Amino acid sequence: MKNFIQLFLSLRIKNLFFLSLIQLLILNYLNTWTDYFWPSLFFIISTFFSAAAGNLINDIFDFKIDQIN
């Protein structure tokens, strides 16, 4: 259970939701959200998971550096 919590925290979930919110606001401002609903939704989901994977990869490769700091 402890490992799952550490994994969840390493995703930086607040940053990921903020990223998705900004994308939604930009799409709403451009009035393309209603015209291209499915492509926009897939774009937001794909960037969400790409950023989550990037956060995990960063935590894995920077483990020794993070221990020093």
C-alpha atoms as a PDB file:
ATOM      1  CA  MET A   1       0.000   0.000   0.000  1.00  0.00           C
ATOM      2  CA  LYS A   2       2.865   2.329   0.786  1.00  0.00           C
ATOM      3  CA  ASN A   3       4.325   1.800  -2.696  1.00  0.00           C
ATOM      4  CA  PHE A   4       0.983   2.612  -4.307  1.00  0.00           C
ATOM      5  CA  ILE A   5       0.767   5.888  -2.393  1.00  0.00           C
ATOM      6  CA  GLN A   6       4.318   6.799  -3.399  1.00  0.00           C
ATOM      7  CA  LEU A   7       3.501   5.988  -7.015  1.00  0.00           C
ATOM      8  CA  PHE A   8       0.357   8.111  -6.873  1.00  0.00           C
ATOM      9  CA  LEU A   9       2.255  11.033  -5.343  1.00  0.00           C
ATOM     10  CA  SER A  10       4.985  10.809  -7.953  1.00  0.00           C
ATOM     11  CA  LEU A  11       2.398  11.406 -10.674  1.00  0.00           C
ATOM     12  CA  ARG A  12       1.904  14.950  -9.337  1.00  0.00           C
ATOM     13  CA  ILE A  13      -1.824  14.636  -9.892  1.00  0.00           C
ATOM     14  CA  LYS A  14      -2.541  18.301  -9.116  1.00  0.00           C
ATOM     15  CA  ASN A  15      -0.265  19.379 -11.954  1.00  0.00           C
ATOM     16  CA  LEU A  16      -1.935  16.939 -14.322  1.00  0.00           C
ATOM     17  CA  PHE A  17      -5.408  18.214 -13.510  1.00  0.00           C
ATOM     18  CA  PHE A  18      -4.198  21.794 -13.866  1.00  0.00           C
ATOM     19  CA  LEU A  19      -2.800  20.901 -17.297  1.00  0.00           C
ATOM     20  CA  SER A  20      -6.163  19.421 -18.318  1.00  0.00           C
ATOM     21  CA  LEU A  21      -8.059  22.413 -16.970  1.00  0.00           C
ATOM     22  CA  ILE A  22      -5.898  24.838 -18.941  1.00  0.00           C
ATOM     23  CA  GLN A  23      -6.475  22.811 -22.106  1.00  0.00           C
ATOM     24  CA  LEU A  24     -10.232  22.858 -21.515  1.00  0.00           C
ATOM     25  CA  LEU A  25     -10.210  26.606 -20.965  1.00  0.00           C
ATOM     26  CA  ILE A  26      -8.221  27.212 -24.140  1.00  0.00           C
ATOM     27  CA  LEU A  27     -10.522  24.986 -26.184  1.00  0.00           C
ATOM     28  CA  ASN A  28     -13.527  26.765 -24.706  1.00  0.00           C
ATOM     29  CA  TYR A  29     -12.009  30.161 -25.509  1.00  0.00           C
ATOM     30  CA  LEU A  30     -11.355  29.112 -29.098  1.00  0.00           C
ATOM     31  CA  ASN A  31     -14.906  27.716 -29.382  1.00  0.00           C
ATOM     32  CA  THR A  32     -13.576  24.441 -30.760  1.00  0.00           C
ATOM     33  CA  TRP A  33     -14.699  22.297 -27.827  1.00  0.00           C
ATOM     34  CA  THR A  34     -18.192  21.727 -29.181  1.00  0.00           C
ATOM     35  CA  ASP A  35     -17.136  21.390 -32.822  1.00  0.00           C
ATOM     36  CA  TYR A  36     -14.455  18.782 -32.204  1.00  0.00           C
ATOM     37  CA  PHE A  37     -15.561  17.079 -29.016  1.00  0.00           C
ATOM     38  CA  TRP A  38     -14.002  13.618 -29.472  1.00  0.00           C
ATOM     39  CA  PRO A  39     -10.656  14.735 -30.932  1.00  0.00           C
ATOM     40  CA  SER A  40     -10.384  17.351 -28.183  1.00  0.00           C
ATOM     41  CA  LEU A  41     -11.179  14.803 -25.494  1.00  0.00           C
ATOM     42  CA  PHE A  42      -8.620  12.339 -26.868  1.00  0.00           C
ATOM     43  CA  PHE A  43      -6.049  15.130 -27.043  1.00  0.00           C
ATOM     44  CA  ILE A  44      -6.602  16.043 -23.382  1.00  0.00           C
ATOM     45  CA  ILE A  45      -6.491  12.399 -22.261  1.00  0.00           C
ATOM     46  CA  SER A  46      -3.347  11.672 -24.256  1.00  0.00           C
ATOM     47  CA  THR A  47      -1.485  14.692 -22.901  1.00  0.00           C
ATOM     48  CA  PHE A  48      -2.641  13.791 -19.377  1.00  0.00           C
ATOM     49  CA  PHE A  49      -1.148  10.295 -19.630  1.00  0.00           C
ATOM     50  CA  SER A  50       1.961  11.498 -21.464  1.00  0.00           C
ATOM     51  CA  ALA A  51       2.705  14.001 -18.718  1.00  0.00           C
ATOM     52  CA  ALA A  52       2.049  11.332 -16.057  1.00  0.00           C
ATOM     53  CA  ALA A  53       4.492   8.988 -17.786  1.00  0.00           C
ATOM     54  CA  GLY A  54       7.038  11.789 -18.013  1.00  0.00           C
ATOM     55  CA  ASN A  55       6.724  12.441 -14.285  1.00  0.00           C
ATOM     56  CA  LEU A  56       7.279   8.756 -13.516  1.00  0.00           C
ATOM     57  CA  ILE A  57      10.271   8.499 -15.824  1.00  0.00           C
ATOM     58  CA  ASN A  58      11.755  11.627 -14.269  1.00  0.00           C
ATOM     59  CA  ASP A  59      11.335  10.196 -10.770  1.00  0.00           C
ATOM     60  CA  ILE A  60      12.945   6.902 -11.773  1.00  0.00           C
ATOM     61  CA  PHE A  61      16.015   8.397 -13.443  1.00  0.00           C
ATOM     62  CA  ASP A  62      16.521  11.206 -10.923  1.00  0.00           C
ATOM     63  CA  PHE A  63      16.213   9.012  -7.827  1.00  0.00           C
ATOM     64  CA  LYS A  64      19.862   9.370  -6.779  1.00  0.00           C
ATOM     65  CA  ILE A  65      19.891  13.112  -7.423  1.00  0.00           C
ATOM     66  CA  ASP A  66      16.695  13.572  -5.412  1.00  0.00           C
ATOM     67  CA  GLN A  67      18.232  11.699  -2.462  1.00  0.00           C
ATOM     68  CA  ILE A  68      21.127  14.150  -2.382  1.00  0.00           C
ATOM     69  CA  ASN A  69      18.803  17.127  -2.317  1.00  0.00           C
END
